[in-house]
Amino acid sequence: MGLTSHSLLVLSIVLACLAPVGLALLWRSRPHGRVLGTATRLVAVLLCQVLAVFSLFFYVNDQYSFYSSWADLFGRSAPAPGIRTAGLVRNGQGTIKTLAVAGGPTNEGSHQVLVWLPPGYDAPQNAQRRYPVLMFLPGQPSDPSTTFSHFGFADAAVQEIQSGKVAPFVAVFPPLMTDPPRDTECTNVPGGPQAENWLDQDVYSAVDRDLRTDHRPWTEIGWSTGAFCAAKLMLSHPQQFSAAVGLGGYYTPLTDHTTGNLFGNRPKLREENSPTWLYEHEDGMKGRRLLVVTGEQDRDSYAMSRAFLNLVGTDPGVSSVVFPTGGHNYRNYAAFVPQALEWLYHPHKG
């Protein structure tokens, strides 16, 4: 079973619940010999604790997606797995497909992009219709399928479209981990993966080529690291991206052991990959729009989001939603996806 499978989570919880029952029965029995009995009970107690810890780990990982696979958990670099599409949408919630997008002039480093097509996209009467595009960037580590599922994207998008608040659109969910297990933060790494080019050139061109898009600038939603990337892409490429929503994001680059040396010890390159620096030194929003969503109890986002909001002041191109309680997890931020969609496509209602 995969590390993120619900079957594994359920199994671990069931075993963790049954283990104390077995321990109680064992404790009432009288194994032959005092030494053997003591050893058996000690092993049983330790087994109960191990099962409890494992079930808690699988639950927390299910909520936060710290690790997306067994290889990720054990630190083994491996090719990104194929995108899971089964069970992501129900009848009437549109269709899911995957799009293989290669990177660079040599077409190396192909990665799968999850694509959501709205209800009616394949209907004969809509054969000539063209659609706007939303790009939803996951957190790190995470993957398109997990992001799509945990944010309840199909439910939110279909409800907004059916209510008439949002016109039908196409959504694309590219992976951020294009060089696993490294976190590139959507950066063109000197001598390394060209993650930003893959998103703003290769993915952008492939979607506009293979789907019936209206060829207008895209909108974006980003979660956590994806929010950082969404803001950076919009400020760096204003002709391609018109608006972005950052859910639980941050707005200056973060580097650690998972990223390595992203900028090759080049301070200027670090600045050019910072939404905060881009806003200050590249004419602000340039007519684009950004919605910052963060929670006061979100220790991974709030302080950095507040610093960015203090910087932009009363800039009409930047809006914000700050909620009082709740930490850095899918459940708290998924509630804002409908509002984000309305803000992106009907700014006067945001």
Protein backbone atom coordinates (compact mmCIF):
# COMPACT_ATOMS: atom_id res chain seq x y z
CA MET A 1 0.00 0.00 0.00
CA GLY A 2 1.16 3.51 -0.77
CA LEU A 3 2.20 5.79 2.05
CA THR A 4 -0.70 8.17 1.41
CA SER A 5 -3.36 5.53 0.74
CA HIS A 6 -6.49 5.72 2.89
CA SER A 7 -6.38 1.93 3.24
CA LEU A 8 -3.08 2.15 5.09
CA LEU A 9 -4.43 4.89 7.36
CA VAL A 10 -7.57 2.92 8.21
CA LEU A 11 -5.59 -0.28 8.79
CA SER A 12 -3.15 1.46 11.14
CA ILE A 13 -5.99 3.00 13.17
CA VAL A 14 -7.83 -0.34 13.43
CA LEU A 15 -4.67 -2.13 14.59
CA ALA A 16 -3.89 0.64 17.09
CA CYS A 17 -7.39 0.28 18.55
CA LEU A 18 -7.30 -3.52 18.68
CA ALA A 19 -3.83 -3.75 20.19
CA PRO A 20 -4.85 -2.55 23.71
CA VAL A 21 -7.68 -5.11 23.70
CA GLY A 22 -5.18 -7.84 22.92
CA LEU A 23 -2.87 -6.49 25.61
CA ALA A 24 -5.66 -6.63 28.19
CA LEU A 25 -6.43 -10.25 27.31
CA LEU A 26 -2.75 -11.14 27.45
CA TRP A 27 -2.36 -9.44 30.82
CA ARG A 28 -5.16 -11.56 32.28
CA SER A 29 -3.60 -14.75 31.00
CA ARG A 30 -0.75 -16.45 32.82
CA PRO A 31 2.09 -17.32 30.42
CA HIS A 32 4.35 -20.14 31.65
CA GLY A 33 7.21 -18.77 33.67
CA ARG A 34 7.66 -15.37 35.27
CA VAL A 35 10.46 -14.29 32.90
CA LEU A 36 8.56 -15.33 29.79
CA GLY A 37 5.39 -13.66 31.02
CA THR A 38 7.16 -10.39 31.80
CA ALA A 39 8.96 -10.38 28.44
CA THR A 40 5.75 -11.14 26.53
CA ARG A 41 3.86 -8.35 28.26
CA LEU A 42 6.71 -5.89 27.69
CA VAL A 43 6.75 -6.68 23.97
CA ALA A 44 2.97 -6.29 23.83
CA VAL A 45 3.12 -2.88 25.53
CA LEU A 46 5.82 -1.70 23.13
CA LEU A 47 3.80 -2.98 20.18
CA CYS A 48 0.76 -0.96 21.33
CA GLN A 49 2.89 2.16 21.55
CA VAL A 50 4.45 1.59 18.12
CA LEU A 51 1.05 1.06 16.50
CA ALA A 52 -0.31 4.21 18.16
CA VAL A 53 2.65 6.26 16.96
CA PHE A 54 2.39 4.89 13.43
CA SER A 55 -1.35 5.56 13.20
CA LEU A 56 -0.79 9.12 14.43
CA PHE A 57 2.01 9.60 11.89
CA PHE A 58 -0.15 8.33 9.01
CA TYR A 59 -3.02 10.59 10.10
CA VAL A 60 -0.86 13.71 10.37
CA ASN A 61 0.82 12.90 7.04
CA ASP A 62 -2.62 12.50 5.47
CA GLN A 63 -3.58 15.97 6.70
CA TYR A 64 -0.35 17.77 5.85
CA SER A 65 1.31 15.61 3.16
CA PHE A 66 4.80 15.88 4.63
CA TYR A 67 5.78 12.78 2.66
CA SER A 68 4.11 11.69 -0.57
CA SER A 69 5.66 8.22 -0.92
CA TRP A 70 7.78 5.63 0.88
CA ALA A 71 10.79 6.77 -1.17
CA ASP A 72 10.15 10.34 -0.04
CA LEU A 73 9.92 9.22 3.59
CA PHE A 74 13.25 7.37 3.47
CA GLY A 75 15.01 10.10 1.51
CA ARG A 76 15.50 8.16 -1.70
CA SER A 77 15.50 10.15 -4.90
CA ALA A 78 13.10 8.58 -7.35
CA PRO A 79 11.20 9.59 -10.47
CA ALA A 80 7.93 11.33 -9.71
CA PRO A 81 5.11 8.75 -9.68
CA GLY A 82 2.25 8.91 -12.13
CA ILE A 83 -0.65 11.09 -11.12
CA ARG A 84 -3.55 9.29 -9.47
CA THR A 85 -6.85 10.17 -11.20
CA ALA A 86 -9.26 7.50 -9.94
CA GLY A 87 -11.92 8.77 -7.58
CA LEU A 88 -11.04 12.46 -7.87
CA VAL A 89 -14.38 13.45 -9.44
CA ARG A 90 -17.91 12.10 -9.25
CA ASN A 91 -20.53 12.04 -11.99
CA GLY A 92 -21.37 15.58 -13.04
CA GLN A 93 -18.16 17.07 -11.64
CA GLY A 94 -16.30 17.33 -14.93
CA THR A 95 -13.48 15.12 -16.13
CA ILE A 96 -9.87 14.50 -15.20
CA LYS A 97 -7.01 13.91 -17.60
CA THR A 98 -3.24 14.04 -17.43
CA LEU A 99 -0.93 15.91 -19.74
CA ALA A 100 2.74 14.94 -20.11
CA VAL A 101 4.83 18.10 -20.35
CA ALA A 102 8.48 17.88 -21.25
CA GLY A 103 10.96 20.56 -20.28
CA GLY A 104 13.57 22.47 -22.21
CA PRO A 105 14.67 22.37 -25.84
CA THR A 106 15.76 18.72 -25.58
CA ASN A 107 12.36 17.60 -24.17
CA GLU A 108 14.02 16.09 -21.12
CA GLY A 109 12.40 15.76 -17.73
CA SER A 110 8.80 15.09 -18.75
CA HIS A 111 6.30 15.40 -15.91
CA GLN A 112 2.58 14.76 -15.68
CA VAL A 113 0.18 17.64 -15.13
CA LEU A 114 -3.30 17.02 -13.73
CA VAL A 115 -6.00 18.74 -15.79
CA TRP A 116 -9.60 19.32 -14.70
CA LEU A 117 -12.15 19.98 -17.44
CA PRO A 118 -15.49 21.49 -16.35
CA PRO A 119 -18.85 19.78 -16.98
CA GLY A 120 -19.82 20.23 -20.61
CA TYR A 121 -16.31 20.69 -21.95
CA ASP A 122 -16.66 17.63 -24.21
CA ALA A 123 -20.30 18.28 -25.15
CA PRO A 124 -20.85 18.73 -28.94
CA GLN A 125 -22.54 22.09 -28.43
CA ASN A 126 -19.38 23.42 -26.74
CA ALA A 127 -16.97 22.17 -29.39
CA GLN A 128 -16.02 25.72 -30.35
CA ARG A 129 -16.07 27.19 -26.88
CA ARG A 130 -12.80 28.35 -25.33
CA TYR A 131 -12.09 28.52 -21.61
CA PRO A 132 -9.98 30.60 -19.22
CA VAL A 133 -7.27 28.73 -17.33
CA LEU A 134 -6.58 28.50 -13.61
CA MET A 135 -3.27 27.04 -12.44
CA PHE A 136 -3.34 25.54 -8.92
CA LEU A 137 0.14 25.03 -7.44
CA PRO A 138 0.51 22.49 -4.61
CA GLY A 139 2.61 22.78 -1.48
CA GLN A 140 5.96 21.13 -0.88
CA PRO A 141 6.13 18.22 -0.53
CA SER A 142 2.82 17.30 -2.09
CA ASP A 143 1.45 16.33 -5.47
CA PRO A 144 -1.39 17.38 -7.80
CA SER A 145 -3.75 14.54 -6.86
CA THR A 146 -3.43 15.17 -3.13
CA THR A 147 -3.94 18.90 -3.56
CA PHE A 148 -6.97 18.41 -5.81
CA SER A 149 -8.54 15.98 -3.33
CA HIS A 150 -7.73 17.68 -0.02
CA PHE A 151 -8.95 21.08 -1.18
CA GLY A 152 -12.23 19.58 -2.39
CA PHE A 153 -11.59 21.32 -5.68
CA ALA A 154 -14.19 19.53 -7.80
CA ASP A 155 -16.98 20.26 -5.29
CA ALA A 156 -16.02 23.92 -4.94
CA ALA A 157 -15.54 24.58 -8.67
CA VAL A 158 -18.75 22.88 -9.78
CA GLN A 159 -20.82 24.64 -7.11
CA GLU A 160 -19.43 28.03 -8.14
CA ILE A 161 -20.09 27.34 -11.83
CA GLN A 162 -23.61 25.97 -11.28
CA SER A 163 -24.51 28.94 -9.09
CA GLY A 164 -23.53 31.28 -11.90
CA LYS A 165 -20.93 33.06 -9.78
CA VAL A 166 -18.07 31.77 -11.92
CA ALA A 167 -18.04 30.97 -15.63
CA PRO A 168 -16.69 27.54 -16.66
CA PHE A 169 -12.89 27.32 -16.69
CA VAL A 170 -10.10 24.77 -17.08
CA ALA A 171 -7.81 24.04 -14.11
CA VAL A 172 -4.28 22.65 -14.30
CA PHE A 173 -2.38 21.19 -11.33
CA PRO A 174 1.33 20.83 -12.14
CA PRO A 175 3.74 19.21 -9.67
CA LEU A 176 6.27 21.39 -7.90
CA MET A 177 8.66 18.53 -7.18
CA THR A 178 10.21 18.26 -10.64
CA ASP A 179 13.58 17.14 -9.27
CA PRO A 180 12.63 14.79 -6.41
CA PRO A 181 13.27 14.93 -3.56
CA ARG A 182 14.56 18.49 -3.95
CA ASP A 183 12.37 21.52 -3.27
CA THR A 184 13.19 23.95 -6.07
CA GLU A 185 10.71 26.67 -5.02
CA CYS A 186 9.94 27.15 -8.73
CA THR A 187 13.46 28.43 -9.34
CA ASN A 188 15.73 28.22 -12.37
CA VAL A 189 18.58 26.72 -10.37
CA PRO A 190 22.06 27.56 -11.73
CA GLY A 191 23.40 24.34 -13.22
CA GLY A 192 20.23 22.53 -12.07
CA PRO A 193 16.54 22.12 -12.89
CA GLN A 194 14.89 25.04 -14.64
CA ALA A 195 11.70 24.80 -12.61
CA GLU A 196 10.38 28.30 -13.31
CA ASN A 197 10.82 27.91 -17.07
CA TRP A 198 9.01 24.59 -16.97
CA LEU A 199 5.97 26.23 -15.36
CA ASP A 200 5.77 29.52 -17.21
CA GLN A 201 6.94 28.27 -20.61
CA ASP A 202 6.50 24.50 -21.03
CA VAL A 203 3.32 23.95 -19.02
CA TYR A 204 1.82 27.22 -20.23
CA SER A 205 2.49 26.41 -23.90
CA ALA A 206 1.39 22.76 -23.67
CA VAL A 207 -1.97 23.62 -22.09
CA ASP A 208 -2.69 26.43 -24.56
CA ARG A 209 -1.73 24.09 -27.41
CA ASP A 210 -3.62 20.97 -26.37
CA LEU A 211 -6.76 22.39 -24.75
CA ARG A 212 -9.40 24.86 -25.90
CA THR A 213 -8.19 27.84 -23.90
CA ASP A 214 -9.07 31.44 -24.58
CA HIS A 215 -5.36 32.42 -24.68
CA ARG A 216 -5.86 35.14 -22.10
CA PRO A 217 -3.45 35.44 -19.15
CA TRP A 218 -4.00 32.70 -16.60
CA THR A 219 -5.09 33.05 -13.00
CA GLU A 220 -3.42 31.15 -10.15
CA ILE A 221 -4.09 29.66 -6.74
CA GLY A 222 -1.14 28.45 -4.69
CA TRP A 223 -0.95 26.57 -1.40
CA SER A 224 2.00 27.16 0.97
CA THR A 225 5.13 26.93 -1.23
CA GLY A 226 2.74 27.03 -4.18
CA ALA A 227 1.50 30.42 -2.95
CA PHE A 228 5.06 31.73 -2.99
CA CYS A 229 5.47 30.38 -6.52
CA ALA A 230 2.15 31.82 -7.70
CA ALA A 231 3.07 35.32 -6.49
CA LYS A 232 6.55 35.06 -7.99
CA LEU A 233 5.30 33.87 -11.38
CA MET A 234 2.66 36.59 -11.58
CA LEU A 235 5.08 39.40 -10.66
CA SER A 236 7.82 38.01 -12.94
CA HIS A 237 5.55 37.28 -15.91
CA PRO A 238 2.70 39.83 -15.89
CA GLN A 239 1.83 39.13 -19.52
CA GLN A 240 1.06 35.48 -18.72
CA PHE A 241 -0.59 35.66 -15.28
CA SER A 242 -3.23 38.23 -14.38
CA ALA A 243 -4.14 37.37 -10.78
CA ALA A 244 -3.11 35.03 -7.97
CA VAL A 245 -4.43 33.80 -4.64
CA GLY A 246 -1.94 32.73 -1.99
CA LEU A 247 -3.29 30.27 0.59
CA GLY A 248 -1.02 30.04 3.63
CA GLY A 249 1.94 31.38 1.69
CA TYR A 250 5.13 33.35 2.22
CA TYR A 251 6.72 36.04 0.08
CA THR A 252 10.48 35.80 0.44
CA PRO A 253 12.58 32.75 -0.54
CA LEU A 254 13.20 30.08 2.08
CA THR A 255 16.22 27.81 1.76
CA ASP A 256 17.15 24.82 3.88
CA HIS A 257 18.46 21.27 3.51
CA THR A 258 15.50 20.38 1.26
CA THR A 259 16.28 23.15 -1.25
CA GLY A 260 20.05 23.14 -1.30
CA ASN A 261 21.82 26.15 -2.78
CA LEU A 262 19.05 27.41 -5.07
CA PHE A 263 20.73 30.64 -6.08
CA GLY A 264 24.36 29.65 -6.55
CA ASN A 265 25.54 32.21 -3.94
CA ARG A 266 24.20 34.99 -6.15
CA PRO A 267 22.38 37.62 -4.06
CA LYS A 268 20.90 39.23 -7.16
CA LEU A 269 19.33 35.94 -8.25
CA ARG A 270 17.84 35.48 -4.80
CA GLU A 271 16.30 38.95 -5.02
CA GLU A 272 14.83 38.27 -8.44
CA ASN A 273 13.11 35.17 -7.03
CA SER A 274 11.51 37.07 -4.15
CA PRO A 275 7.93 38.36 -4.55
CA THR A 276 8.70 40.99 -1.93
CA TRP A 277 11.73 42.29 -3.87
CA LEU A 278 9.88 42.11 -7.19
CA TYR A 279 7.02 44.16 -5.77
CA GLU A 280 9.39 46.80 -4.38
CA HIS A 281 11.67 47.10 -7.41
CA GLU A 282 9.60 46.11 -10.45
CA ASP A 283 6.73 48.60 -10.43
CA GLY A 284 4.52 46.90 -7.90
CA MET A 285 1.59 44.85 -9.16
CA LYS A 286 1.87 46.07 -12.78
CA GLY A 287 -1.89 45.97 -13.06
CA ARG A 288 -2.09 42.43 -11.69
CA ARG A 289 -4.02 41.38 -8.54
CA LEU A 290 -3.02 39.31 -5.51
CA LEU A 291 -5.20 37.93 -2.69
CA VAL A 292 -3.28 36.93 0.45
CA VAL A 293 -5.10 34.40 2.67
CA THR A 294 -3.51 33.55 6.01
CA GLY A 295 -4.41 32.70 9.60
CA GLU A 296 -3.19 34.41 12.73
CA GLN A 297 -2.34 31.03 14.26
CA ASP A 298 -0.54 29.77 11.15
CA ARG A 299 3.10 29.88 12.26
CA ASP A 300 4.27 28.86 8.77
CA SER A 301 2.58 31.77 7.03
CA TYR A 302 1.19 34.57 9.18
CA ALA A 303 4.34 36.53 10.11
CA MET A 304 5.66 36.52 6.53
CA SER A 305 2.25 37.31 5.06
CA ARG A 306 1.77 40.16 7.50
CA ALA A 307 5.18 41.59 6.61
CA PHE A 308 4.23 41.56 2.93
CA LEU A 309 0.83 43.15 3.63
CA ASN A 310 2.53 45.88 5.68
CA LEU A 311 4.84 46.53 2.75
CA VAL A 312 2.07 46.92 0.16
CA GLY A 313 -0.04 49.07 2.48
CA THR A 314 -3.21 50.26 0.76
CA ASP A 315 -2.27 49.11 -2.74
CA PRO A 316 -5.65 48.37 -4.40
CA GLY A 317 -4.04 45.51 -6.32
CA VAL A 318 -3.52 43.51 -3.11
CA SER A 319 -6.39 42.13 -1.03
CA SER A 320 -6.26 39.98 2.08
CA VAL A 321 -8.24 37.58 4.21
CA VAL A 322 -6.89 36.92 7.72
CA PHE A 323 -8.77 34.37 9.81
CA PRO A 324 -8.31 34.24 13.59
CA THR A 325 -7.97 30.55 14.46
CA GLY A 326 -6.55 27.46 12.78
CA GLY A 327 -3.11 26.34 11.69
CA HIS A 328 -1.29 25.45 8.49
CA ASN A 329 -3.37 22.63 7.07
CA TYR A 330 -5.67 21.79 4.17
CA ARG A 331 -8.85 21.81 6.22
CA ASN A 332 -8.54 25.46 7.29
CA TYR A 333 -7.63 26.78 3.85
CA ALA A 334 -9.96 24.62 1.74
CA ALA A 335 -12.86 26.67 3.06
CA PHE A 336 -11.55 29.68 1.11
CA VAL A 337 -11.39 28.03 -2.33
CA PRO A 338 -14.93 29.15 -3.35
CA GLN A 339 -14.16 32.71 -2.25
CA ALA A 340 -10.86 32.58 -4.11
CA LEU A 341 -12.57 31.49 -7.34
CA GLU A 342 -15.11 34.31 -7.07
CA TRP A 343 -12.36 36.84 -6.36
CA LEU A 344 -10.34 35.67 -9.36
CA TYR A 345 -13.18 35.80 -11.86
CA HIS A 346 -15.42 38.49 -10.32
CA PRO A 347 -13.09 40.96 -8.59
CA HIS A 348 -15.93 43.37 -7.75
CA LYS A 349 -17.39 40.63 -5.52
CA GLY A 350 -14.12 39.76 -3.77
